[in-house]
């Protein structure tokens, strides 16, 4: 019997073709935190620290990998978000 586990892989960049944006470390973002009903309950700004791609176990169904982004929020907290929960912001000068 084969053990079915998710594989996490750190990636350098992620291009969201649907939205036409690219996320990579040091990118400034606006993040959104949602409740169970998909209503925004919190939001803020931060800087991308790391991106991870979670590959789903082979199940015979084609499933896109999940992109998880670690963000250092402007308030000092480190949070993880789905790439879809982030919007690009203008970089600090």
C-alpha atoms as a PDB file:
ATOM      1  CA  UNK A   1       0.000   0.000   0.000  1.00  0.00           C
ATOM      2  CA  UNK A   2       1.341   3.406  -1.031  1.00  0.00           C
ATOM      3  CA  UNK A   3       1.185   6.322   1.414  1.00  0.00           C
ATOM      4  CA  UNK A   4      -0.628   9.346  -0.049  1.00  0.00           C
ATOM      5  CA  UNK A   5       0.976  12.565   1.166  1.00  0.00           C
ATOM      6  CA  UNK A   6       1.003  16.104  -0.156  1.00  0.00           C
ATOM      7  CA  UNK A   7       4.372  17.316  -1.458  1.00  0.00           C
ATOM      8  CA  UNK A   8       5.449  20.830  -0.557  1.00  0.00           C
ATOM      9  CA  UNK A   9       8.002  22.530  -2.763  1.00  0.00           C
ATOM     10  CA  UNK A  10       9.450  26.019  -2.257  1.00  0.00           C
ATOM     11  CA  UNK A  11       9.227  27.971  -5.512  1.00  0.00           C
ATOM     12  CA  UNK A  12      10.935  31.221  -6.556  1.00  0.00           C
ATOM     13  CA  UNK A  13       8.067  32.793  -8.453  1.00  0.00           C
ATOM     14  CA  UNK A  14       4.405  32.244  -9.261  1.00  0.00           C
ATOM     15  CA  UNK A  15       2.615  33.740 -12.266  1.00  0.00           C
ATOM     16  CA  UNK A  16      -1.168  33.890 -11.997  1.00  0.00           C
ATOM     17  CA  UNK A  17      -2.189  33.734 -15.652  1.00  0.00           C
ATOM     18  CA  UNK A  18      -5.831  34.500 -14.900  1.00  0.00           C
ATOM     19  CA  UNK A  19      -5.063  37.774 -13.130  1.00  0.00           C
ATOM     20  CA  UNK A  20      -1.849  38.581 -14.997  1.00  0.00           C
ATOM     21  CA  UNK A  21       0.257  39.071 -11.851  1.00  0.00           C
ATOM     22  CA  UNK A  22       3.539  37.596 -10.653  1.00  0.00           C
ATOM     23  CA  UNK A  23       4.362  36.927  -6.993  1.00  0.00           C
ATOM     24  CA  UNK A  24       7.925  36.474  -5.746  1.00  0.00           C
ATOM     25  CA  UNK A  25       9.881  37.228  -2.568  1.00  0.00           C
ATOM     26  CA  UNK A  26      10.066  40.958  -1.704  1.00  0.00           C
ATOM     27  CA  UNK A  27       6.841  41.711  -3.605  1.00  0.00           C
ATOM     28  CA  UNK A  28       4.544  44.178  -1.795  1.00  0.00           C
ATOM     29  CA  UNK A  29       1.003  42.842  -1.455  1.00  0.00           C
ATOM     30  CA  UNK A  30      -2.409  43.706  -0.065  1.00  0.00           C
ATOM     31  CA  UNK A  31      -3.744  40.649   1.753  1.00  0.00           C
ATOM     32  CA  UNK A  32      -7.305  39.630   2.560  1.00  0.00           C
ATOM     33  CA  UNK A  33      -8.408  37.271   5.336  1.00  0.00           C
ATOM     34  CA  UNK A  34     -11.824  35.645   4.852  1.00  0.00           C
ATOM     35  CA  UNK A  35     -14.282  34.021   7.256  1.00  0.00           C
ATOM     36  CA  UNK A  36     -16.139  30.737   6.618  1.00  0.00           C
ATOM     37  CA  UNK A  37     -18.735  32.558   4.492  1.00  0.00           C
ATOM     38  CA  UNK A  38     -16.024  34.092   2.260  1.00  0.00           C
ATOM     39  CA  UNK A  39     -16.622  37.566   3.677  1.00  0.00           C
ATOM     40  CA  UNK A  40     -13.479  39.644   4.215  1.00  0.00           C
ATOM     41  CA  UNK A  41     -12.921  39.930   7.961  1.00  0.00           C
ATOM     42  CA  UNK A  42      -9.463  41.535   7.904  1.00  0.00           C
ATOM     43  CA  UNK A  43      -6.946  42.964   5.476  1.00  0.00           C
ATOM     44  CA  UNK A  44      -3.632  44.703   5.378  1.00  0.00           C
ATOM     45  CA  UNK A  45      -0.331  45.081   3.620  1.00  0.00           C
ATOM     46  CA  UNK A  46       2.901  43.126   3.708  1.00  0.00           C
ATOM     47  CA  UNK A  47       5.874  41.690   1.869  1.00  0.00           C
ATOM     48  CA  UNK A  48       6.130  38.214   0.346  1.00  0.00           C
ATOM     49  CA  UNK A  49       8.761  36.121   2.129  1.00  0.00           C
ATOM     50  CA  UNK A  50       8.334  32.657   0.578  1.00  0.00           C
ATOM     51  CA  UNK A  51       6.128  30.763  -1.872  1.00  0.00           C
ATOM     52  CA  UNK A  52       5.270  27.067  -1.608  1.00  0.00           C
ATOM     53  CA  UNK A  53       3.554  24.832  -4.119  1.00  0.00           C
ATOM     54  CA  UNK A  54       1.537  21.973  -2.643  1.00  0.00           C
ATOM     55  CA  UNK A  55       1.164  19.170  -5.144  1.00  0.00           C
ATOM     56  CA  UNK A  56      -1.886  17.017  -4.585  1.00  0.00           C
ATOM     57  CA  UNK A  57      -1.472  13.213  -4.513  1.00  0.00           C
ATOM     58  CA  UNK A  58      -2.216  11.418  -7.769  1.00  0.00           C
ATOM     59  CA  UNK A  59      -5.891  10.525  -7.764  1.00  0.00           C
ATOM     60  CA  UNK A  60      -6.661  10.156 -11.446  1.00  0.00           C
ATOM     61  CA  UNK A  61      -8.215  13.634 -11.445  1.00  0.00           C
ATOM     62  CA  UNK A  62      -6.195  16.571 -12.723  1.00  0.00           C
ATOM     63  CA  UNK A  63      -5.901  19.020  -9.826  1.00  0.00           C
ATOM     64  CA  UNK A  64      -3.938  22.275 -10.000  1.00  0.00           C
ATOM     65  CA  UNK A  65      -1.305  22.651  -7.287  1.00  0.00           C
ATOM     66  CA  UNK A  66      -2.107  24.993  -4.402  1.00  0.00           C
ATOM     67  CA  UNK A  67       0.165  28.023  -3.961  1.00  0.00           C
ATOM     68  CA  UNK A  68       0.736  29.133  -0.359  1.00  0.00           C
ATOM     69  CA  UNK A  69       2.460  32.475   0.196  1.00  0.00           C
ATOM     70  CA  UNK A  70       4.187  33.481   3.443  1.00  0.00           C
ATOM     71  CA  UNK A  71       3.770  37.214   4.040  1.00  0.00           C
ATOM     72  CA  UNK A  72       5.498  39.406   6.609  1.00  0.00           C
ATOM     73  CA  UNK A  73       2.647  41.764   7.459  1.00  0.00           C
ATOM     74  CA  UNK A  74       3.337  45.428   8.156  1.00  0.00           C
ATOM     75  CA  UNK A  75       2.278  44.862  11.790  1.00  0.00           C
ATOM     76  CA  UNK A  76       5.151  42.348  12.210  1.00  0.00           C
ATOM     77  CA  UNK A  77       3.072  39.151  12.056  1.00  0.00           C
ATOM     78  CA  UNK A  78       3.984  36.337   9.674  1.00  0.00           C
ATOM     79  CA  UNK A  79       0.907  34.885   7.929  1.00  0.00           C
ATOM     80  CA  UNK A  80       0.256  32.372   5.167  1.00  0.00           C
ATOM     81  CA  UNK A  81      -2.261  33.024   2.390  1.00  0.00           C
ATOM     82  CA  UNK A  82      -3.483  31.388  -0.768  1.00  0.00           C
ATOM     83  CA  UNK A  83      -2.067  33.251  -3.783  1.00  0.00           C
ATOM     84  CA  UNK A  84      -5.634  34.234  -4.732  1.00  0.00           C
ATOM     85  CA  UNK A  85      -6.022  36.159  -1.453  1.00  0.00           C
ATOM     86  CA  UNK A  86      -3.276  38.631  -2.425  1.00  0.00           C
ATOM     87  CA  UNK A  87      -3.213  41.679  -4.694  1.00  0.00           C
ATOM     88  CA  UNK A  88      -0.069  43.461  -5.872  1.00  0.00           C
ATOM     89  CA  UNK A  89       0.834  46.840  -4.379  1.00  0.00           C
ATOM     90  CA  UNK A  90       3.287  49.484  -5.489  1.00  0.00           C
ATOM     91  CA  UNK A  91       6.750  48.790  -4.025  1.00  0.00           C
ATOM     92  CA  UNK A  92       8.105  51.044  -1.277  1.00  0.00           C
ATOM     93  CA  UNK A  93      10.730  53.511  -2.360  1.00  0.00           C
END
